[in-house]
Protein backbone atom coordinates (compact mmCIF):
# COMPACT_ATOMS: atom_id res chain seq x y z
CA UNK A 1 -185.30 16.89 225.61
CA UNK A 2 -184.93 13.11 225.55
CA UNK A 3 -183.14 11.72 222.50
CA UNK A 4 -184.12 8.48 220.79
CA UNK A 5 -180.57 7.09 221.14
CA UNK A 6 -181.28 3.84 219.25
CA UNK A 7 -182.73 5.69 216.21
CA UNK A 8 -179.95 8.28 216.27
CA UNK A 9 -177.35 5.47 216.39
CA UNK A 10 -179.01 3.82 213.38
CA UNK A 11 -178.78 7.03 211.38
CA UNK A 12 -175.11 7.44 212.31
CA UNK A 13 -174.52 3.88 211.11
CA UNK A 14 -175.99 4.75 207.74
CA UNK A 15 -173.60 7.66 207.25
CA UNK A 16 -170.55 5.81 208.65
CA UNK A 17 -169.35 5.17 205.09
CA UNK A 18 -167.11 7.48 203.11
CA UNK A 19 -168.94 6.72 199.91
CA UNK A 20 -172.41 7.20 201.37
CA UNK A 21 -171.31 10.55 202.80
CA UNK A 22 -169.86 11.53 199.40
CA UNK A 23 -173.14 10.61 197.78
CA UNK A 24 -175.10 12.78 200.19
CA UNK A 25 -172.87 15.80 199.59
CA UNK A 26 -172.97 15.30 195.80
CA UNK A 27 -176.76 15.27 195.98
CA UNK A 28 -176.65 18.30 198.22
CA UNK A 29 -175.46 20.21 195.16
CA UNK A 30 -177.83 18.73 192.49
CA UNK A 31 -179.87 15.74 191.45
CA UNK A 32 -177.94 12.92 189.79
CA UNK A 33 -178.55 9.61 188.20
CA UNK A 34 -176.79 6.47 189.48
CA UNK A 35 -174.40 6.39 186.52
CA UNK A 36 -173.44 10.04 187.02
CA UNK A 37 -172.87 9.47 190.78
CA UNK A 38 -170.59 6.51 189.90
CA UNK A 39 -168.72 8.64 187.47
CA UNK A 40 -168.32 11.52 189.94
CA UNK A 41 -166.97 9.12 192.57
CA UNK A 42 -164.92 7.06 190.14
CA UNK A 43 -166.63 3.97 191.56
CA UNK A 44 -168.25 0.93 190.12
CA UNK A 45 -172.05 1.16 189.44
CA UNK A 46 -172.65 -1.98 191.51
CA UNK A 47 -170.89 -0.54 194.58
CA UNK A 48 -172.77 2.74 194.21
CA UNK A 49 -176.05 0.89 193.74
CA UNK A 50 -175.51 -0.94 197.03
CA UNK A 51 -174.96 2.32 198.94
CA UNK A 52 -177.75 4.10 197.08
CA UNK A 53 -180.11 1.29 198.24
CA UNK A 54 -179.07 1.78 201.87
CA UNK A 55 -179.60 5.55 201.67
CA UNK A 56 -183.04 5.03 200.11
CA UNK A 57 -184.00 2.53 202.77
CA UNK A 58 -182.97 4.87 205.54
CA UNK A 59 -184.92 7.75 203.89
CA UNK A 60 -181.82 9.91 203.48
CA UNK A 61 -182.35 10.22 199.72
CA UNK A 62 -185.27 9.94 197.30
CA UNK A 63 -185.78 9.05 193.64
CA UNK A 64 -187.72 11.30 191.31
CA UNK A 65 -189.81 10.41 188.26
CA UNK A 66 -186.78 10.86 185.98
CA UNK A 67 -184.81 8.26 187.95
CA UNK A 68 -182.53 10.90 189.42
CA UNK A 69 -181.62 10.83 193.09
CA UNK A 70 -181.97 13.80 195.44
CA UNK A 71 -181.79 14.46 199.16
CA UNK A 72 -184.76 13.91 201.40
CA UNK A 73 -185.55 16.38 204.13
CA UNK A 74 -183.62 14.15 206.57
CA UNK A 75 -180.67 14.03 204.18
CA UNK A 76 -180.63 17.85 203.89
CA UNK A 77 -180.51 18.15 207.70
CA UNK A 78 -177.62 15.65 207.83
CA UNK A 79 -175.66 17.76 205.35
CA UNK A 80 -176.24 20.86 207.45
CA UNK A 81 -175.19 19.18 210.73
CA UNK A 82 -172.12 17.33 209.63
CA UNK A 83 -169.98 20.41 208.79
CA UNK A 84 -170.09 21.54 212.46
CA UNK A 85 -168.93 18.09 213.56
CA UNK A 86 -166.23 18.15 210.89
CA UNK A 87 -164.96 21.56 211.99
CA UNK A 88 -164.25 20.31 215.50
CA UNK A 89 -162.84 16.95 214.39
CA UNK A 90 -160.58 18.58 211.81
CA UNK A 91 -159.24 20.82 214.55
CA UNK A 92 -159.19 18.05 217.21
CA UNK A 93 -155.68 18.91 218.50
CA UNK A 94 -156.64 22.55 218.88
CA UNK A 95 -159.81 21.76 220.85
CA UNK A 96 -157.95 19.39 223.10
CA UNK A 97 -156.54 22.58 224.62
CA UNK A 98 -159.39 25.00 223.94
CA UNK A 99 -163.15 25.08 224.28
CA UNK A 100 -166.16 27.25 223.46
CA UNK A 101 -166.29 29.21 226.69
CA UNK A 102 -169.80 30.58 227.26
CA UNK A 103 -170.81 30.33 223.62
CA UNK A 104 -174.59 30.00 223.17
CA UNK A 105 -175.86 26.69 221.78
CA UNK A 106 -177.27 28.27 218.63
CA UNK A 107 -173.75 29.36 217.65
CA UNK A 108 -172.22 26.00 218.47
CA UNK A 109 -174.81 24.44 216.14
CA UNK A 110 -173.48 26.72 213.36
CA UNK A 111 -169.78 25.97 213.81
CA UNK A 112 -169.74 24.39 210.36
CA UNK A 113 -169.81 27.95 208.98
CA UNK A 114 -166.23 28.39 210.26
CA UNK A 115 -164.90 25.47 208.22
CA UNK A 116 -163.21 27.53 205.49
CA UNK A 117 -160.46 29.17 207.50
CA UNK A 118 -156.79 29.82 207.89
CA UNK A 119 -155.13 29.23 211.24
CA UNK A 120 -152.90 32.09 212.41
CA UNK A 121 -150.37 31.01 215.01
CA UNK A 122 -148.18 33.08 217.26
CA UNK A 123 -149.03 36.27 219.09
CA UNK A 124 -147.03 38.51 216.72
CA UNK A 125 -148.73 37.07 213.63
CA UNK A 126 -152.16 37.25 215.29
CA UNK A 127 -151.51 40.90 216.13
CA UNK A 128 -150.39 41.53 212.57
CA UNK A 129 -153.60 39.96 211.16
CA UNK A 130 -155.60 42.01 213.71
CA UNK A 131 -154.03 45.18 212.37
CA UNK A 132 -154.65 44.06 208.76
CA UNK A 133 -158.36 43.57 209.40
CA UNK A 134 -158.48 47.11 210.73
CA UNK A 135 -156.48 48.49 207.81
CA UNK A 136 -158.58 46.76 205.20
CA UNK A 137 -161.89 48.10 206.52
CA UNK A 138 -163.92 50.43 204.29
CA UNK A 139 -167.27 50.53 206.09
CA UNK A 140 -166.89 49.31 209.71
CA UNK A 141 -164.72 47.58 212.30
CA UNK A 142 -166.35 45.46 215.03
CA UNK A 143 -164.29 44.27 218.05
CA UNK A 144 -165.12 41.95 220.91
CA UNK A 145 -162.21 42.55 223.28
CA UNK A 146 -160.74 40.81 226.32
CA UNK A 147 -157.46 42.69 225.81
CA UNK A 148 -156.66 45.93 224.02
CA UNK A 149 -153.44 45.72 221.94
CA UNK A 150 -152.47 49.38 221.87
CA UNK A 151 -149.53 49.08 219.51
CA UNK A 152 -148.52 52.26 217.69
CA UNK A 153 -149.56 50.76 214.37
CA UNK A 154 -153.05 49.77 215.54
CA UNK A 155 -153.64 53.14 217.24
CA UNK A 156 -152.62 55.02 214.08
CA UNK A 157 -154.88 52.75 211.96
CA UNK A 158 -157.88 53.26 214.26
CA UNK A 159 -157.30 57.02 214.28
CA UNK A 160 -157.12 57.17 210.42
CA UNK A 161 -160.24 55.05 210.06
CA UNK A 162 -162.21 57.23 212.44
CA UNK A 163 -161.11 60.34 210.62
CA UNK A 164 -162.40 58.71 207.42
CA UNK A 165 -165.79 58.22 209.00
CA UNK A 166 -165.57 54.50 209.36
CA UNK A 167 -167.76 53.12 212.17
CA UNK A 168 -165.94 51.34 214.95
CA UNK A 169 -167.88 49.33 217.52
CA UNK A 170 -166.07 47.72 220.45
CA UNK A 171 -167.39 45.55 223.28
CA UNK A 172 -165.15 45.40 226.32
CA UNK A 173 -165.14 42.87 229.12
CA UNK A 174 -165.33 44.39 232.60
CA UNK A 175 -161.92 42.79 233.14
CA UNK A 176 -160.43 43.80 229.85
CA UNK A 177 -156.67 44.19 230.00
CA UNK A 178 -155.65 47.68 228.87
CA UNK A 179 -152.30 49.49 228.88
CA UNK A 180 -151.61 52.06 231.56
CA UNK A 181 -151.47 54.92 229.14
CA UNK A 182 -154.77 54.05 227.44
CA UNK A 183 -156.56 57.06 228.92
CA UNK A 184 -153.70 59.36 227.91
CA UNK A 185 -153.74 58.06 224.33
CA UNK A 186 -157.55 58.42 224.24
CA UNK A 187 -157.28 62.11 225.13
CA UNK A 188 -154.27 62.84 222.89
CA UNK A 189 -156.01 61.37 219.81
CA UNK A 190 -159.21 63.19 220.75
CA UNK A 191 -161.17 59.93 220.52
CA UNK A 192 -163.82 61.49 222.72
CA UNK A 193 -164.91 63.62 219.73
CA UNK A 194 -165.50 60.45 217.69
CA UNK A 195 -167.59 59.05 220.50
CA UNK A 196 -169.64 62.23 220.55
CA UNK A 197 -170.03 62.10 216.78
CA UNK A 198 -171.31 58.50 216.97
CA UNK A 199 -168.49 57.06 214.89
CA UNK A 200 -166.83 55.35 217.84
CA UNK A 201 -169.32 53.23 219.80
CA UNK A 202 -168.48 51.28 222.91
CA UNK A 203 -170.34 48.81 225.15
CA UNK A 204 -169.42 46.53 228.01
CA UNK A 205 -170.24 43.03 229.04
CA UNK A 206 -169.48 41.06 232.21
CA UNK A 207 -167.15 38.52 230.68
CA UNK A 208 -165.66 37.79 227.25
CA UNK A 209 -164.30 34.30 226.51
CA UNK A 210 -164.32 34.51 222.71
CA UNK A 211 -162.65 37.39 220.90
CA UNK A 212 -164.01 38.40 217.49
CA UNK A 213 -162.90 41.14 215.14
CA UNK A 214 -164.18 41.86 211.68
CA UNK A 215 -164.68 44.37 208.96
CA UNK A 216 -167.21 44.15 206.15
CA UNK A 217 -165.35 41.41 204.22
CA UNK A 218 -163.07 39.49 206.59
CA UNK A 219 -163.13 38.19 210.14
CA UNK A 220 -161.10 36.54 212.86
CA UNK A 221 -162.11 34.59 215.94
CA UNK A 222 -160.08 33.59 218.98
CA UNK A 223 -161.29 30.81 221.26
CA UNK A 224 -160.49 30.44 224.94
CA UNK A 225 -158.00 27.94 226.40
CA UNK A 226 -159.24 25.51 229.07
CA UNK A 227 -158.81 28.19 231.74
CA UNK A 228 -161.50 30.26 230.12
CA UNK A 229 -159.19 33.07 228.91
CA UNK A 230 -159.03 33.86 225.17
CA UNK A 231 -155.82 32.47 223.71
CA UNK A 232 -154.45 35.38 221.70
CA UNK A 233 -151.68 33.25 220.28
CA UNK A 234 -154.04 31.46 217.80
CA UNK A 235 -156.73 32.82 215.53
CA UNK A 236 -159.09 31.35 212.96
CA UNK A 237 -159.22 33.83 210.06
CA UNK A 238 -161.22 33.89 206.81
CA UNK A 239 -162.73 35.94 204.02
CA UNK A 240 -165.36 33.24 203.39
CA UNK A 241 -168.95 34.73 203.50
CA UNK A 242 -170.29 32.00 205.80
CA UNK A 243 -167.40 32.48 208.22
CA UNK A 244 -167.99 36.23 208.15
CA UNK A 245 -171.80 35.81 208.71
CA UNK A 246 -171.12 33.66 211.79
CA UNK A 247 -168.77 36.29 213.30
CA UNK A 248 -171.11 39.13 212.30
CA UNK A 249 -174.12 37.47 213.94
CA UNK A 250 -172.16 36.56 217.02
CA UNK A 251 -170.88 40.07 217.48
CA UNK A 252 -174.39 41.56 217.04
CA UNK A 253 -175.82 39.10 219.51
CA UNK A 254 -173.17 40.19 222.02
CA UNK A 255 -173.83 43.85 221.18
CA UNK A 256 -177.54 43.49 221.86
CA UNK A 257 -176.83 41.83 225.21
CA UNK A 258 -174.17 44.28 226.36
CA UNK A 259 -174.64 47.21 228.70
CA UNK A 260 -173.35 50.76 228.58
CA UNK A 261 -169.69 51.41 228.54
CA UNK A 262 -168.24 52.32 231.96
CA UNK A 263 -164.85 53.99 231.94
CA UNK A 264 -164.22 53.38 235.62
CA UNK A 265 -164.31 49.60 235.07
CA UNK A 266 -161.19 49.81 232.92
CA UNK A 267 -159.37 52.22 235.21
CA UNK A 268 -159.63 50.06 238.33
């Protein structure tokens, strides 16, 4: 698709003002009069009037019959797109060393949903948060795995959740790193019974560059470093519903596009 670069540049120029952006996001919540916008922004009416006029001229906002201002269709789209751009710019230093791997375009376009997050740094702290997500689950645990952290605590947590009837779905990469005694632990804990009962479900995909783990109310996502491998030393974590929806949709997309689990792929 060919972009109209000139027109796009003009629109970027119109939002290249802190006050105009603030006006757009205020109106994204509700209609407001000029005086109320000025009060919300603690700005002079004349200054706000000047920026309101520019937004009206560029068709980013509209004025209704009660002299209140509201977003136009274009303005609404701008407010939907900007959060994704903001997520990356706010984490600029992180993305200088990481990227999105093979993430599909439709999920890149929704990156703004990940904006409300907490950064977990350090492999030990990431592993601890990983375990917490498992421990806090009451309905399900979904995992997209490039490496299986078979710590004693996580194994016990997984076993207890399965015994409680909590659904666990895991997608493994064909090159997933697993501990040597994985098979032994699998037999000792009788995990095969849970597979047979449909409580423990597993699938496999060719490659995993983004690791995701979630329960019904919280989620974590791990992006790959520049070499394409998930960086397990840093995690974005959140209980925000939009963040969770992004991870939930991403996991289900991967689940639908994964093949059957093949034990021999992990034992090679």
